[in-house]
Amino acid sequence: ARVPGRSDLHGLDVVVFVALSPPVASPAMSAALSLRCNTCGVQLRSVAEAQVHGESTGHSDFAESTEAVLNLSCVACGKPCRSETEKDIHSKRTGHLEFVDRTHEQVSTVDTANEMKAIGEEMRDDAGLPAKKEKKEGDGDDDSMDVEPEVDTELLTELQTMGFTRNKSVRALHATGTSNVEQAVNWIVDHESDTDIDLPLLVSKSNSKKKPPLTKEEARVAGEELRKAMTAKKQKEERELEKVREQERIRSGKELLKAKKGNDDLELKRNLETRRIEKEEAKRAKARIMAKLDEDRIVRRRKLGLPDELTEEEKAKEKERHEKKADEARAEQEKKAKAGLVVKPVGKVEELRKILVVIKKNASSEEASNTCFKTLLLYLGNVAKNPGEDKFRTLKLTNGAFQKRVDSCDGGRLFLETFGFVLDTSGKETLTLPMESVDLLLLQMTGAAINDALTNPFFGVL
């Protein structure tokens, strides 16, 4: 027996379902619990599963079975296995060895007749065939009755006169549908070796009536309608195929954009990490140089009979010297500005802007990133208003507000270090912006970049 596939409808006026093989008789049998493939032995829960199995394997011999479909559930992952073989394969792949038999928890009967009827109606709808009318009890005309087909009586008599039996003549005239004796004779000669050539031909009553031959006009109209139907079908298939291509193109485009964005983000993080490592290495080298200078200074002071550490007066002179150097640098910048020779720190501002993008993307929420931006803008604004005040150029790393608003965001401290703040290596745990590193133009341009990050909804997106 076989379960019908969708290809069974092509070119047929009536869908014929071959009954499934009945289950082996059993005293306790009340209903079928599964369908069994007689070719490979697999158990299936419904006619729909049998149809899918048949289309994928080519098997067409199925029978009802009173055995329920095995359901061995893996304790570790919950995967259901329908056979011991599938269970062994799952165990080898995953290492899971414990299974629970839940076969009887999901047992349900298989209503083969109704399921095949429903599938048949669905396939008829897909093929555009009219719905099959059910016969009501008491109807006098039974189309399912097998009768001898109607043929041309004159041609039948002529064939019998030529010596052919009635059954051969009926079969030839019904098969060819011709009005030509020669074509019927040729058919008999071609099928002379058929085993059923002399048996009576019986067809359903609905197909027994002789169809009159089409006139030239009717044939032309029928051909035109068939051509239009095929053209419409082809156009529909092309539209559906175009939709699928467009969906695939959109999906591929989205995947490419996503992959490109991911590569750009990865490249940015890689560059920032490289920059951070380089800056840390530069800080360590600078610390080593400063330590060596301090050792040389102490040796020189000892030779001169002076204390190792600077006196308050010497510290004041050292501070005055640094401030004088910073004033000279600012004066030089102002002089260049007046002469139109100012070079804007575009590269550094762009680097700081990339770090702002990282802060916004990696922040736990938009509120957290905005809080970090506002705090950074406040720090730089205080430095711009009071460049000579040490307290505005010094940030304590142990400060609770700094840790919560800036240091908690990925890239917050890196932004300050990239701007020019230096980590104090003397154990004070502070970030300090040296006086000579105060650049009003850089402060102005960086403040504009932070303000853009706060107000532009598309910042970091485009």
Foldseek 3Di string as FASTA:
>chain_A
DFQDELVQPPPDQDRDGDDAAEEDDDPPDDFFQFKAQPVPGATHRESVVRRVVCVVPVGTHIYTHNDFFWWKAQPPPRDTDRDPVSVVVVCVVPVGDDTDTCRVVPTDGYPHVVRSVVVVQVSCVVVVHDDDDDDDPPDPDDQQDWDQADFDPVLLVVVVVVPDDSQLQSVLCLVVVDPDNVSSVVVCVVCVVPPCNPPHDIDGNVSRYRDDDDDPVRVVVVVVVVVVVVVVVVVVVVVVVVVVVVVVVVVVVVVVVVVVVVVVVVVLVVVLVVVVVVLVVVLVVVVVVVVVVLVVQQVVCVVVVHHSDDDPVVVVVVVVVLVVVLVVLVVVQVVCVVVVNHDFPVVLLVNLLSLLLQLCVQPPDNVLSLLLLVVVLVLLVVCLVCVPDFVSQKAAPPDPSCCRRAVVTVSRVVSVVSLAWDADPPPRRMTGRRSNSDDNSSSVSNSVSSVCSNPPPCRSPD
